[in-house]
Protein backbone atom coordinates (compact mmCIF):
# COMPACT_ATOMS: atom_id res chain seq x y z
CA MET A 1 4.41 -22.92 -24.19
CA LYS A 2 2.40 -25.49 -26.23
CA ARG A 3 4.60 -28.47 -25.90
CA VAL A 4 7.62 -29.28 -23.68
CA LEU A 5 9.85 -32.21 -22.88
CA LEU A 6 10.49 -32.69 -19.24
CA LYS A 7 13.59 -34.65 -18.24
CA LEU A 8 13.64 -36.19 -14.64
CA SER A 9 16.59 -37.84 -13.14
CA GLY A 10 15.96 -41.13 -11.57
CA GLU A 11 18.16 -40.11 -8.57
CA ALA A 12 15.89 -37.05 -7.96
CA LEU A 13 12.85 -39.25 -7.85
CA ALA A 14 14.43 -41.58 -5.28
CA GLY A 15 14.65 -38.61 -2.70
CA GLU A 16 16.82 -39.05 0.11
CA LYS A 17 16.89 -42.79 -0.25
CA LYS A 18 19.03 -42.47 -3.38
CA THR A 19 17.55 -45.65 -4.80
CA GLY A 20 13.98 -46.78 -5.86
CA PHE A 21 11.20 -44.26 -5.58
CA ASP A 22 10.13 -41.61 -3.13
CA GLU A 23 6.31 -41.50 -3.51
CA ALA A 24 5.88 -38.03 -2.02
CA THR A 25 8.54 -36.55 -4.53
CA VAL A 26 6.91 -38.29 -7.43
CA THR A 27 3.48 -37.17 -6.35
CA GLU A 28 4.52 -33.60 -6.14
CA VAL A 29 6.06 -33.73 -9.70
CA ALA A 30 2.75 -35.28 -10.85
CA LYS A 31 0.71 -32.36 -9.30
CA GLN A 32 2.88 -29.79 -10.95
CA VAL A 33 2.60 -31.45 -14.35
CA LYS A 34 -1.11 -31.56 -13.99
CA VAL A 35 -1.18 -27.75 -13.51
CA LEU A 36 0.56 -27.50 -16.98
CA VAL A 37 -1.84 -30.16 -18.57
CA ASP A 38 -4.79 -28.31 -17.17
CA GLU A 39 -3.48 -25.11 -18.85
CA GLY A 40 -3.29 -26.80 -22.12
CA VAL A 41 0.41 -27.59 -22.22
CA GLU A 42 1.41 -30.87 -23.99
CA VAL A 43 3.98 -32.70 -21.85
CA GLY A 44 6.48 -35.28 -22.81
CA VAL A 45 8.51 -37.03 -20.23
CA VAL A 46 11.96 -38.75 -20.18
CA ILE A 47 13.25 -40.30 -16.96
CA GLY A 48 16.80 -41.45 -16.28
CA GLY A 49 17.51 -44.85 -14.67
CA GLY A 50 20.08 -43.99 -12.17
CA ASN A 51 17.89 -44.75 -9.13
CA PHE A 52 18.27 -48.46 -10.14
CA TRP A 53 21.32 -48.80 -12.41
CA ARG A 54 24.45 -47.05 -13.46
CA GLY A 55 26.02 -49.53 -16.03
CA ARG A 56 29.05 -47.40 -16.76
CA SER A 57 30.40 -48.00 -13.25
CA SER A 58 30.46 -51.60 -13.78
CA GLU A 59 33.82 -53.13 -14.60
CA THR A 60 32.58 -56.76 -15.13
CA ILE A 61 29.58 -56.38 -17.48
CA ASP A 62 29.80 -55.77 -21.13
CA ARG A 63 28.86 -52.18 -22.02
CA THR A 64 26.16 -53.07 -24.37
CA LYS A 65 24.46 -55.44 -21.84
CA ALA A 66 24.94 -52.78 -19.11
CA ASP A 67 23.20 -50.16 -21.37
CA GLN A 68 20.37 -52.66 -21.96
CA ILE A 69 19.89 -52.98 -18.26
CA GLY A 70 19.71 -49.23 -18.00
CA MET A 71 17.10 -49.02 -20.73
CA LEU A 72 14.80 -51.42 -18.75
CA ALA A 73 15.31 -49.30 -15.65
CA THR A 74 13.90 -46.34 -17.48
CA VAL A 75 10.95 -48.50 -18.57
CA MET A 76 10.28 -49.46 -14.89
CA ASN A 77 10.60 -45.75 -13.86
CA CYS A 78 8.05 -44.64 -16.46
CA ILE A 79 5.61 -47.30 -15.56
CA TYR A 80 5.71 -46.24 -11.89
CA VAL A 81 5.67 -42.51 -12.51
CA SER A 82 2.85 -42.88 -15.23
CA GLU A 83 0.70 -44.62 -12.58
CA ILE A 84 1.24 -41.69 -10.13
CA PHE A 85 0.33 -39.24 -12.86
CA ARG A 86 -2.87 -41.24 -13.44
CA PHE A 87 -3.65 -41.22 -9.81
CA VAL A 88 -3.62 -37.37 -9.55
CA GLY A 89 -5.95 -37.23 -12.62
CA MET A 90 -3.97 -37.26 -15.89
CA LYS A 91 -4.11 -39.64 -18.87
CA THR A 92 -0.74 -41.13 -19.85
CA GLU A 93 0.89 -43.37 -22.55
CA ILE A 94 4.37 -45.01 -22.39
CA LEU A 95 6.33 -45.36 -25.75
CA THR A 96 9.32 -47.32 -26.30
CA PRO A 97 11.64 -47.86 -29.18
CA PHE A 98 11.41 -51.74 -28.72
CA VAL A 99 8.43 -54.10 -28.08
CA CYS A 100 7.75 -54.55 -24.38
CA GLY A 101 4.60 -56.71 -24.81
CA ALA A 102 1.42 -55.03 -23.24
CA PHE A 103 3.45 -52.72 -20.98
CA THR A 104 4.15 -49.96 -23.64
CA LYS A 105 3.34 -48.93 -27.18
CA LEU A 106 5.97 -48.80 -29.89
CA PHE A 107 7.38 -45.12 -30.47
CA SER A 108 6.71 -43.21 -33.58
CA LYS A 109 6.25 -39.58 -34.11
CA ASP A 110 2.75 -40.23 -35.38
CA GLU A 111 1.84 -42.30 -32.27
CA ALA A 112 3.24 -39.55 -30.01
CA ASN A 113 1.25 -36.83 -31.80
CA GLU A 114 -1.98 -38.95 -31.59
CA CYS A 115 -1.48 -39.43 -27.85
CA PHE A 116 -0.88 -35.59 -27.38
CA ALA A 117 -4.11 -34.97 -29.45
CA GLN A 118 -5.83 -37.22 -26.97
CA GLY A 119 -4.67 -35.00 -24.02
CA LYS A 120 -2.16 -37.64 -22.69
CA VAL A 121 1.19 -37.14 -21.07
CA VAL A 122 3.63 -39.19 -23.09
CA PHE A 123 6.38 -41.00 -21.34
CA PHE A 124 9.43 -41.85 -23.67
CA ALA A 125 11.02 -44.90 -22.02
CA GLY A 126 13.78 -47.16 -23.15
CA GLY A 127 16.21 -44.68 -24.26
CA THR A 128 16.92 -44.66 -28.01
CA GLY A 129 16.84 -48.52 -28.02
CA HIS A 130 20.57 -48.69 -28.67
CA PRO A 131 23.62 -48.81 -26.40
CA TYR A 132 26.10 -45.92 -25.99
CA PHE A 133 23.37 -43.39 -26.02
CA SER A 134 22.33 -41.82 -22.77
CA THR A 135 18.90 -40.55 -21.53
CA ASP A 136 20.29 -37.13 -22.14
CA THR A 137 20.63 -38.01 -25.76
CA THR A 138 17.14 -39.65 -25.70
CA THR A 139 15.71 -36.40 -24.24
CA VAL A 140 17.19 -34.17 -27.04
CA LEU A 141 16.29 -36.52 -29.68
CA ARG A 142 12.68 -36.90 -28.60
CA ALA A 143 12.26 -33.25 -28.06
CA ILE A 144 13.46 -32.59 -31.71
CA GLU A 145 11.30 -35.23 -33.07
CA ILE A 146 8.18 -34.16 -31.36
CA GLU A 147 8.95 -30.45 -32.04
CA ALA A 148 8.72 -29.45 -28.49
CA GLU A 149 9.41 -25.75 -27.79
CA THR A 150 12.01 -26.41 -25.12
CA ILE A 151 13.52 -28.93 -22.72
CA LEU A 152 12.74 -28.63 -19.08
CA LEU A 153 15.81 -30.19 -17.29
CA ALA A 154 14.87 -30.91 -13.71
CA LYS A 155 17.92 -31.94 -11.77
CA ALA A 156 19.18 -32.41 -8.30
CA VAL A 157 21.31 -29.21 -8.71
CA ASP A 158 19.53 -25.89 -9.20
CA GLY A 159 21.18 -24.87 -12.53
CA VAL A 160 24.47 -24.78 -14.56
CA TYR A 161 27.70 -23.96 -12.71
CA ASP A 162 31.15 -23.33 -13.99
CA SER A 163 32.35 -26.15 -11.79
CA ASP A 164 30.83 -28.86 -9.51
CA PRO A 165 29.13 -27.01 -6.67
CA LYS A 166 29.24 -30.15 -4.50
CA THR A 167 33.10 -30.03 -4.40
CA ASN A 168 33.66 -26.25 -5.04
CA PRO A 169 31.76 -23.83 -2.75
CA GLN A 170 32.91 -20.96 -5.02
CA ALA A 171 31.39 -22.32 -8.03
CA LYS A 172 29.51 -19.78 -10.14
CA LYS A 173 25.86 -20.40 -11.37
CA TYR A 174 25.01 -19.02 -14.85
CA ASP A 175 21.68 -17.33 -15.34
CA SER A 176 22.08 -17.91 -18.98
CA VAL A 177 24.71 -19.75 -21.03
CA HIS A 178 25.07 -20.42 -24.80
CA ILE A 179 25.13 -24.06 -25.86
CA GLN A 180 28.44 -23.46 -27.60
CA GLU A 181 29.99 -22.49 -24.18
CA VAL A 182 28.48 -25.62 -22.63
CA ILE A 183 30.18 -27.74 -25.27
CA ASP A 184 33.56 -25.85 -25.13
CA LYS A 185 33.75 -25.80 -21.36
CA LYS A 186 32.33 -29.31 -20.95
CA LEU A 187 29.81 -27.88 -18.40
CA ALA A 188 28.04 -31.22 -18.05
CA VAL A 189 24.45 -29.94 -18.48
CA VAL A 190 23.90 -32.85 -20.72
CA ASP A 191 26.48 -35.06 -22.26
CA LEU A 192 28.36 -34.03 -25.36
CA THR A 193 26.27 -36.07 -27.89
CA ALA A 194 23.11 -34.38 -26.54
CA SER A 195 24.69 -31.01 -26.49
CA ILE A 196 25.66 -31.14 -30.08
CA LEU A 197 22.13 -32.31 -31.05
CA CYS A 198 20.86 -29.33 -29.13
CA MET A 199 23.25 -26.97 -31.07
CA GLU A 200 22.63 -28.44 -34.52
CA ASN A 201 18.81 -28.36 -34.15
CA LYS A 202 18.48 -25.16 -32.01
CA MET A 203 16.80 -26.89 -29.16
CA PRO A 204 16.87 -24.60 -25.97
CA MET A 205 16.97 -25.94 -22.43
CA LEU A 206 15.82 -24.63 -19.02
CA VAL A 207 17.86 -26.12 -16.16
CA PHE A 208 16.58 -25.99 -12.63
CA GLY A 209 16.36 -27.78 -9.38
CA LEU A 210 13.55 -30.33 -9.08
CA ASN A 211 13.37 -29.67 -5.19
CA THR A 212 12.79 -25.89 -5.53
CA GLU A 213 9.15 -25.26 -4.77
CA ASN A 214 6.79 -25.36 -7.93
CA SER A 215 9.96 -25.41 -10.10
CA ILE A 216 8.41 -27.28 -13.19
CA VAL A 217 5.40 -25.04 -13.33
CA LYS A 218 7.67 -21.84 -12.96
CA ALA A 219 9.96 -22.96 -15.61
CA ALA A 220 7.23 -23.70 -18.06
CA ARG A 221 5.85 -20.21 -17.45
CA GLY A 222 9.30 -18.68 -18.07
CA GLU A 223 9.84 -17.80 -14.27
CA ILE A 224 12.99 -19.99 -14.04
CA THR A 225 15.40 -19.47 -11.27
CA GLY A 226 17.96 -21.79 -12.60
CA THR A 227 19.85 -21.45 -15.97
CA ARG A 228 18.64 -20.85 -19.55
CA VAL A 229 20.64 -22.68 -22.10
CA VAL A 230 20.22 -20.56 -25.31
CA VAL A 231 20.79 -21.71 -28.90
CA ASP A 232 20.56 -18.49 -30.92
């Protein structure tokens, strides 16, 4: 693959602590991404904010404000992870849809392409810049905009199941599933808005467990042990 969009969940980066950062986990992610970058793959990254904030669980804060807090959580995540990426030897840039002073640069497709041309890993922080849109939607939107070949969806669960494997030990894992089935059965790979964006723009996804050894590298090489979400 020439260009991919990697989605990381905030919770997965927190490790067993469930909040904040687990540096060993993030460093392992960085080392895997460096393997891809050294092979010439251009990598964009979106990170969720769930290790700091889940605004939809709040019953007291206005939804718009809750979502704004979540956007800032993703900026913090990207700054941290970006620095770990630099520590292991990569060049990085963080782009946001709103001005963050000297912390980030303003997102545009041209800016993203220029960063890729310079060999940088590009972090897309701050969501879409608007409330009511999740980082799932951000992931698909940015993947479409930068013309990524696929989305690498690294999750705490090792693929797509027909029900929640945490509550149903008989849950069946799909090796491959069409995006239409994801939408029809509400399989919760990504949220509905993101799923429809994938379907309409024919953006495939590879879903796998972040904690599986070398999972990011294997997925980018097509050696996925999780689930392929197909769009054709």
